[in-house]
Amino acid sequence: MDNIRQSVHDLYDTSINLDAKLSEIIQSFTFCSVEYDNSLSTAPEQKQCYALIAIVKESFSNIIKHSNATKVSVVLKEHPSLYQLIIHDNGSINDFNPDTGIGLKNMEQRIENLNGHFQVRTTDGFEIFISLPKEL
């Protein structure tokens, strides 16, 4: 019975549809408009998918709490050796301190655990720029 449960669990884990899940999250986000562009031709590994989903959720939560944005863009790009996620809002930046707040630190830690790169930019709004290697 344990083997059957594990097999079903493994099947569920490998069947995550990143695009569908992100589309669902974006559709439920009503704070401001969201442009979504996903140009991935191959699916990231399971751990990467879960990290990207969590980061989009946390980013949207931060936008609601800290931003006066009227527009957000979520872009997923694929390059020969890496995936990129860029989340940008057009809100104004007031008293941003990267050393405070656990949300950004959690995002950064998730990406570092996957040997990726995490960067925050505060030019013309707020942007999270993430790159993940295709092979862990």
N, C-alpha and C. Protein backbone atom coordinates (compact mmCIF):
# COMPACT_ATOMS: atom_id res chain seq x y z
N MET A 1 0.82 -1.19 0.00
CA MET A 1 0.00 0.00 0.00
C MET A 1 0.87 1.26 0.00
N ASP A 2 1.95 1.23 0.78
CA ASP A 2 2.86 2.38 0.81
C ASP A 2 3.48 2.63 -0.56
N ASN A 3 3.82 1.55 -1.28
CA ASN A 3 4.37 1.70 -2.62
C ASN A 3 3.38 2.34 -3.58
N ILE A 4 2.13 1.96 -3.47
CA ILE A 4 1.09 2.53 -4.32
C ILE A 4 0.94 4.02 -4.01
N ARG A 5 0.88 4.36 -2.73
CA ARG A 5 0.77 5.78 -2.34
C ARG A 5 1.95 6.58 -2.86
N GLN A 6 3.14 6.03 -2.72
CA GLN A 6 4.33 6.74 -3.19
C GLN A 6 4.29 6.92 -4.70
N SER A 7 3.84 5.90 -5.43
CA SER A 7 3.73 6.00 -6.88
C SER A 7 2.74 7.07 -7.30
N VAL A 8 1.60 7.12 -6.63
CA VAL A 8 0.60 8.15 -6.93
C VAL A 8 1.16 9.53 -6.60
N HIS A 9 1.83 9.63 -5.47
CA HIS A 9 2.43 10.90 -5.06
C HIS A 9 3.47 11.35 -6.08
N ASP A 10 4.32 10.42 -6.52
CA ASP A 10 5.35 10.74 -7.51
C ASP A 10 4.72 11.17 -8.83
N LEU A 11 3.66 10.51 -9.24
CA LEU A 11 2.97 10.86 -10.47
C LEU A 11 2.41 12.27 -10.37
N TYR A 12 1.80 12.60 -9.24
CA TYR A 12 1.25 13.95 -9.03
C TYR A 12 2.37 14.99 -9.08
N ASP A 13 3.47 14.72 -8.42
CA ASP A 13 4.58 15.67 -8.37
C ASP A 13 5.16 15.95 -9.75
N THR A 14 5.24 14.96 -10.60
CA THR A 14 5.83 15.16 -11.91
C THR A 14 4.84 15.74 -12.90
N SER A 15 3.58 15.81 -12.54
CA SER A 15 2.59 16.27 -13.49
C SER A 15 2.19 17.73 -13.30
N ILE A 16 2.92 18.48 -12.49
CA ILE A 16 2.57 19.88 -12.27
C ILE A 16 2.70 20.64 -13.59
N ASN A 17 1.69 21.43 -13.88
CA ASN A 17 1.68 22.25 -15.08
C ASN A 17 1.95 23.69 -14.64
N LEU A 18 3.19 24.12 -14.80
CA LEU A 18 3.61 25.44 -14.34
C LEU A 18 2.78 26.55 -14.97
N ASP A 19 2.57 26.49 -16.26
CA ASP A 19 1.81 27.53 -16.95
C ASP A 19 0.37 27.60 -16.43
N ALA A 20 -0.26 26.46 -16.26
CA ALA A 20 -1.65 26.44 -15.77
C ALA A 20 -1.73 27.00 -14.36
N LYS A 21 -0.79 26.62 -13.51
CA LYS A 21 -0.81 27.09 -12.13
C LYS A 21 -0.56 28.60 -12.06
N LEU A 22 0.40 29.09 -12.82
CA LEU A 22 0.66 30.53 -12.83
C LEU A 22 -0.53 31.30 -13.41
N SER A 23 -1.13 30.76 -14.44
CA SER A 23 -2.32 31.41 -15.02
C SER A 23 -3.44 31.50 -13.99
N GLU A 24 -3.61 30.45 -13.21
CA GLU A 24 -4.63 30.43 -12.16
C GLU A 24 -4.33 31.50 -11.10
N ILE A 25 -3.09 31.60 -10.67
CA ILE A 25 -2.69 32.59 -9.68
C ILE A 25 -2.92 34.01 -10.22
N ILE A 26 -2.52 34.22 -11.45
CA ILE A 26 -2.66 35.53 -12.07
C ILE A 26 -4.13 35.91 -12.22
N GLN A 27 -4.96 34.97 -12.60
CA GLN A 27 -6.40 35.26 -12.75
C GLN A 27 -7.03 35.64 -11.42
N SER A 28 -6.54 35.10 -10.33
CA SER A 28 -7.13 35.40 -9.03
C SER A 28 -6.58 36.69 -8.43
N PHE A 29 -5.56 37.27 -9.05
CA PHE A 29 -4.96 38.51 -8.56
C PHE A 29 -5.76 39.69 -9.11
N THR A 30 -6.45 40.40 -8.23
CA THR A 30 -7.34 41.47 -8.68
C THR A 30 -6.87 42.86 -8.25
N PHE A 31 -5.70 42.97 -7.66
CA PHE A 31 -5.19 44.25 -7.18
C PHE A 31 -4.96 45.23 -8.33
N CYS A 32 -4.38 44.73 -9.43
CA CYS A 32 -4.14 45.54 -10.63
C CYS A 32 -4.00 44.59 -11.82
N SER A 33 -3.86 45.17 -13.00
CA SER A 33 -3.77 44.33 -14.19
C SER A 33 -2.41 43.63 -14.25
N VAL A 34 -2.42 42.44 -14.87
CA VAL A 34 -1.20 41.63 -14.99
C VAL A 34 -1.04 41.22 -16.45
N GLU A 35 0.14 41.46 -16.98
CA GLU A 35 0.51 40.92 -18.29
C GLU A 35 1.37 39.69 -18.04
N TYR A 36 1.05 38.61 -18.72
CA TYR A 36 1.77 37.34 -18.51
C TYR A 36 2.31 36.85 -19.83
N ASP A 37 3.60 36.57 -19.86
CA ASP A 37 4.25 36.06 -21.06
C ASP A 37 5.09 34.87 -20.67
N ASN A 38 4.74 33.71 -21.17
CA ASN A 38 5.47 32.48 -20.90
C ASN A 38 5.96 31.92 -22.23
N SER A 39 7.27 31.96 -22.42
CA SER A 39 7.83 31.44 -23.66
C SER A 39 8.69 30.20 -23.43
N LEU A 40 8.37 29.44 -22.38
CA LEU A 40 9.11 28.20 -22.11
C LEU A 40 8.69 27.11 -23.09
N SER A 41 9.67 26.42 -23.63
CA SER A 41 9.35 25.28 -24.50
C SER A 41 9.59 23.95 -23.78
N THR A 42 10.36 23.99 -22.69
CA THR A 42 10.55 22.81 -21.86
C THR A 42 10.19 23.16 -20.43
N ALA A 43 9.72 22.18 -19.72
CA ALA A 43 9.29 22.43 -18.33
C ALA A 43 10.49 22.38 -17.39
N PRO A 44 10.55 23.32 -16.46
CA PRO A 44 11.59 23.24 -15.42
C PRO A 44 11.37 22.00 -14.56
N GLU A 45 12.40 21.64 -13.81
CA GLU A 45 12.28 20.51 -12.90
C GLU A 45 11.26 20.84 -11.81
N GLN A 46 10.73 19.81 -11.19
CA GLN A 46 9.67 19.95 -10.19
C GLN A 46 10.02 20.96 -9.10
N LYS A 47 11.21 20.86 -8.53
CA LYS A 47 11.61 21.78 -7.46
C LYS A 47 11.63 23.22 -7.96
N GLN A 48 12.05 23.40 -9.20
CA GLN A 48 12.07 24.74 -9.77
C GLN A 48 10.66 25.27 -9.97
N CYS A 49 9.77 24.42 -10.44
CA CYS A 49 8.37 24.83 -10.62
C CYS A 49 7.76 25.30 -9.31
N TYR A 50 7.96 24.51 -8.27
CA TYR A 50 7.41 24.89 -6.97
C TYR A 50 8.00 26.20 -6.47
N ALA A 51 9.29 26.40 -6.68
CA ALA A 51 9.92 27.66 -6.27
C ALA A 51 9.36 28.84 -7.05
N LEU A 52 9.20 28.68 -8.36
CA LEU A 52 8.67 29.77 -9.19
C LEU A 52 7.23 30.11 -8.80
N ILE A 53 6.44 29.11 -8.53
CA ILE A 53 5.05 29.33 -8.10
C ILE A 53 5.03 30.09 -6.77
N ALA A 54 5.84 29.64 -5.83
CA ALA A 54 5.88 30.30 -4.52
C ALA A 54 6.34 31.75 -4.64
N ILE A 55 7.28 32.01 -5.52
CA ILE A 55 7.80 33.36 -5.69
C ILE A 55 6.76 34.27 -6.33
N VAL A 56 6.02 33.77 -7.29
CA VAL A 56 4.96 34.59 -7.88
C VAL A 56 3.91 34.91 -6.82
N LYS A 57 3.53 33.93 -6.03
CA LYS A 57 2.55 34.17 -4.96
C LYS A 57 3.05 35.22 -3.97
N GLU A 58 4.29 35.07 -3.52
CA GLU A 58 4.86 36.01 -2.56
C GLU A 58 5.00 37.40 -3.17
N SER A 59 5.38 37.46 -4.43
CA SER A 59 5.50 38.76 -5.11
C SER A 59 4.15 39.46 -5.17
N PHE A 60 3.12 38.73 -5.50
CA PHE A 60 1.79 39.33 -5.55
C PHE A 60 1.36 39.81 -4.17
N SER A 61 1.66 39.03 -3.15
CA SER A 61 1.34 39.44 -1.78
C SER A 61 2.08 40.73 -1.43
N ASN A 62 3.35 40.82 -1.81
CA ASN A 62 4.12 42.03 -1.55
C ASN A 62 3.58 43.23 -2.32
N ILE A 63 3.14 43.02 -3.53
CA ILE A 63 2.57 44.11 -4.31
C ILE A 63 1.33 44.66 -3.62
N ILE A 64 0.49 43.77 -3.13
CA ILE A 64 -0.72 44.21 -2.42
C ILE A 64 -0.36 44.98 -1.16
N LYS A 65 0.63 44.49 -0.41
CA LYS A 65 0.99 45.11 0.87
C LYS A 65 1.79 46.40 0.73
N HIS A 66 2.66 46.47 -0.28
CA HIS A 66 3.66 47.53 -0.29
C HIS A 66 3.65 48.44 -1.52
N SER A 67 2.80 48.17 -2.49
CA SER A 67 2.91 48.90 -3.74
C SER A 67 1.63 49.66 -4.08
N ASN A 68 1.80 50.69 -4.85
CA ASN A 68 0.67 51.40 -5.43
C ASN A 68 0.62 51.14 -6.94
N ALA A 69 1.08 49.99 -7.33
CA ALA A 69 1.17 49.63 -8.74
C ALA A 69 -0.20 49.58 -9.40
N THR A 70 -0.20 49.90 -10.69
CA THR A 70 -1.40 49.77 -11.50
C THR A 70 -1.23 48.70 -12.57
N LYS A 71 0.01 48.18 -12.67
CA LYS A 71 0.30 47.18 -13.69
C LYS A 71 1.47 46.31 -13.24
N VAL A 72 1.35 45.02 -13.49
CA VAL A 72 2.40 44.05 -13.18
C VAL A 72 2.66 43.22 -14.43
N SER A 73 3.91 42.89 -14.65
CA SER A 73 4.21 41.94 -15.73
C SER A 73 4.96 40.75 -15.13
N VAL A 74 4.59 39.57 -15.61
CA VAL A 74 5.23 38.32 -15.21
C VAL A 74 5.73 37.69 -16.49
N VAL A 75 7.04 37.51 -16.59
CA VAL A 75 7.64 36.99 -17.81
C VAL A 75 8.49 35.77 -17.47
N LEU A 76 8.24 34.68 -18.16
CA LEU A 76 9.07 33.47 -18.06
C LEU A 76 9.77 33.29 -19.40
N LYS A 77 11.10 33.22 -19.37
CA LYS A 77 11.88 33.06 -20.58
C LYS A 77 12.77 31.83 -20.45
N GLU A 78 13.07 31.26 -21.58
CA GLU A 78 13.98 30.11 -21.62
C GLU A 78 15.17 30.44 -22.49
N HIS A 79 16.35 30.13 -21.99
CA HIS A 79 17.59 30.29 -22.72
C HIS A 79 18.24 28.91 -22.81
N PRO A 80 19.28 28.77 -23.58
CA PRO A 80 19.87 27.43 -23.74
C PRO A 80 20.24 26.74 -22.42
N SER A 81 20.72 27.48 -21.44
CA SER A 81 21.16 26.83 -20.21
C SER A 81 20.41 27.28 -18.96
N LEU A 82 19.43 28.16 -19.11
CA LEU A 82 18.73 28.64 -17.92
C LEU A 82 17.31 29.10 -18.22
N TYR A 83 16.56 29.22 -17.12
CA TYR A 83 15.22 29.80 -17.14
C TYR A 83 15.29 31.14 -16.43
N GLN A 84 14.46 32.09 -16.87
CA GLN A 84 14.38 33.38 -16.20
C GLN A 84 12.93 33.67 -15.83
N LEU A 85 12.75 34.27 -14.66
CA LEU A 85 11.47 34.79 -14.22
C LEU A 85 11.69 36.25 -13.89
N ILE A 86 10.88 37.10 -14.49
CA ILE A 86 10.96 38.54 -14.22
C ILE A 86 9.56 39.00 -13.81
N ILE A 87 9.47 39.57 -12.63
CA ILE A 87 8.21 40.13 -12.15
C ILE A 87 8.46 41.61 -11.92
N HIS A 88 7.72 42.45 -12.62
CA HIS A 88 7.94 43.89 -12.55
C HIS A 88 6.61 44.59 -12.31
N ASP A 89 6.61 45.54 -11.36
CA ASP A 89 5.43 46.38 -11.19
C ASP A 89 5.83 47.84 -11.38
N ASN A 90 4.85 48.67 -11.70
CA ASN A 90 5.12 50.07 -11.98
C ASN A 90 4.87 50.97 -10.77
N GLY A 91 4.83 50.41 -9.59
CA GLY A 91 4.60 51.19 -8.38
C GLY A 91 5.81 52.03 -8.00
N SER A 92 5.56 53.02 -7.17
CA SER A 92 6.66 53.86 -6.69
C SER A 92 7.35 53.17 -5.51
N ILE A 93 8.61 53.48 -5.33
CA ILE A 93 9.41 52.85 -4.29
C ILE A 93 9.54 53.84 -3.12
N ASN A 94 9.08 53.44 -1.96
CA ASN A 94 9.18 54.27 -0.77
C ASN A 94 9.90 53.49 0.32
N ASP A 95 11.03 54.00 0.74
CA ASP A 95 11.77 53.42 1.87
C ASP A 95 12.07 51.94 1.70
N PHE A 96 12.49 51.52 0.53
CA PHE A 96 12.84 50.11 0.33
C PHE A 96 14.15 49.80 1.01
N ASN A 97 14.14 48.76 1.81
CA ASN A 97 15.34 48.28 2.47
C ASN A 97 15.42 46.77 2.26
N PRO A 98 16.37 46.32 1.44
CA PRO A 98 16.44 44.88 1.14
C PRO A 98 16.78 44.01 2.34
N ASP A 99 17.24 44.62 3.43
CA ASP A 99 17.61 43.83 4.60
C ASP A 99 16.44 43.59 5.54
N THR A 100 15.30 44.18 5.26
CA THR A 100 14.13 43.96 6.11
C THR A 100 13.11 43.11 5.35
N GLY A 101 12.26 42.49 6.06
CA GLY A 101 11.21 41.67 5.44
C GLY A 101 11.69 40.27 5.15
N ILE A 102 10.89 39.33 5.54
CA ILE A 102 11.26 37.93 5.37
C ILE A 102 10.89 37.41 3.98
N GLY A 103 9.91 38.03 3.33
CA GLY A 103 9.45 37.53 2.03
C GLY A 103 10.54 37.50 0.98
N LEU A 104 11.25 38.62 0.80
CA LEU A 104 12.32 38.67 -0.19
C LEU A 104 13.46 37.73 0.19
N LYS A 105 13.76 37.64 1.47
CA LYS A 105 14.82 36.74 1.91
C LYS A 105 14.46 35.29 1.61
N ASN A 106 13.18 34.94 1.83
CA ASN A 106 12.74 33.57 1.52
C ASN A 106 12.86 33.28 0.03
N MET A 107 12.48 34.26 -0.80
CA MET A 107 12.59 34.09 -2.25
C MET A 107 14.05 33.86 -2.64
N GLU A 108 14.91 34.71 -2.12
CA GLU A 108 16.33 34.60 -2.45
C GLU A 108 16.89 33.25 -2.01
N GLN A 109 16.51 32.79 -0.83
CA GLN A 109 17.00 31.50 -0.32
C GLN A 109 16.50 30.35 -1.20
N ARG A 110 15.25 30.40 -1.62
CA ARG A 110 14.71 29.35 -2.51
C ARG A 110 15.55 29.24 -3.78
N ILE A 111 15.86 30.39 -4.35
CA ILE A 111 16.61 30.41 -5.61
C ILE A 111 18.05 29.96 -5.39
N GLU A 112 18.66 30.43 -4.33
CA GLU A 112 20.04 30.01 -4.04
C GLU A 112 20.12 28.51 -3.80
N ASN A 113 19.10 27.93 -3.17
CA ASN A 113 19.07 26.48 -2.94
C ASN A 113 19.02 25.69 -4.24
N LEU A 114 18.58 26.35 -5.31
CA LEU A 114 18.51 25.71 -6.63
C LEU A 114 19.65 26.17 -7.53
N ASN A 115 20.69 26.73 -6.92
CA ASN A 115 21.87 27.23 -7.64
C ASN A 115 21.54 28.34 -8.64
N GLY A 116 20.52 29.12 -8.31
CA GLY A 116 20.11 30.20 -9.19
C GLY A 116 20.59 31.55 -8.71
N HIS A 117 20.16 32.57 -9.41
CA HIS A 117 20.55 33.96 -9.13
C HIS A 117 19.27 34.77 -8.89
N PHE A 118 19.27 35.57 -7.83
CA PHE A 118 18.13 36.40 -7.43
C PHE A 118 18.59 37.84 -7.35
N GLN A 119 17.85 38.74 -8.01
CA GLN A 119 18.22 40.14 -7.99
C GLN A 119 16.96 41.00 -7.89
N VAL A 120 17.05 42.07 -7.13
CA VAL A 120 15.97 43.04 -7.02
C VAL A 120 16.44 44.33 -7.67
N ARG A 121 15.59 44.90 -8.50
CA ARG A 121 15.88 46.19 -9.14
C ARG A 121 14.77 47.16 -8.76
N THR A 122 15.15 48.40 -8.52
CA THR A 122 14.15 49.40 -8.11
C THR A 122 14.13 50.60 -9.06
N THR A 123 14.45 50.38 -10.31
CA THR A 123 14.39 51.43 -11.32
C THR A 123 13.06 51.32 -12.04
N ASP A 124 12.33 52.43 -12.11
CA ASP A 124 11.02 52.45 -12.79
C ASP A 124 10.07 51.41 -12.21
N GLY A 125 9.95 51.38 -10.91
CA GLY A 125 9.08 50.42 -10.24
C GLY A 125 9.92 49.43 -9.46
N PHE A 126 9.35 48.26 -9.25
CA PHE A 126 10.02 47.21 -8.47
C PHE A 126 10.08 45.96 -9.32
N GLU A 127 11.25 45.35 -9.39
CA GLU A 127 11.43 44.18 -10.24
C GLU A 127 12.22 43.10 -9.51
N ILE A 128 11.75 41.88 -9.67
CA ILE A 128 12.47 40.71 -9.21
C ILE A 128 12.94 39.97 -10.45
N PHE A 129 14.23 39.73 -10.52
CA PHE A 129 14.85 39.09 -11.67
C PHE A 129 15.52 37.81 -11.18
N ILE A 130 15.08 36.68 -11.71
CA ILE A 130 15.55 35.38 -11.26
C ILE A 130 16.06 34.59 -12.46
N SER A 131 17.17 33.92 -12.27
CA SER A 131 17.62 32.95 -13.27
C SER A 131 17.92 31.64 -12.56
N LEU A 132 17.50 30.56 -13.20
CA LEU A 132 17.71 29.21 -12.68
C LEU A 132 18.38 28.35 -13.74
N PRO A 133 19.41 27.60 -13.36
CA PRO A 133 20.03 26.71 -14.35
C PRO A 133 19.05 25.60 -14.74
N LYS A 134 19.10 25.19 -15.98
CA LYS A 134 18.21 24.13 -16.43
C LYS A 134 18.50 22.81 -15.74
N GLU A 135 19.76 22.55 -15.47
CA GLU A 135 20.12 21.30 -14.80
C GLU A 135 20.56 21.61 -13.38
N LEU A 136 19.92 20.95 -12.42
CA LEU A 136 20.28 21.18 -11.02
C LEU A 136 21.55 20.44 -10.66
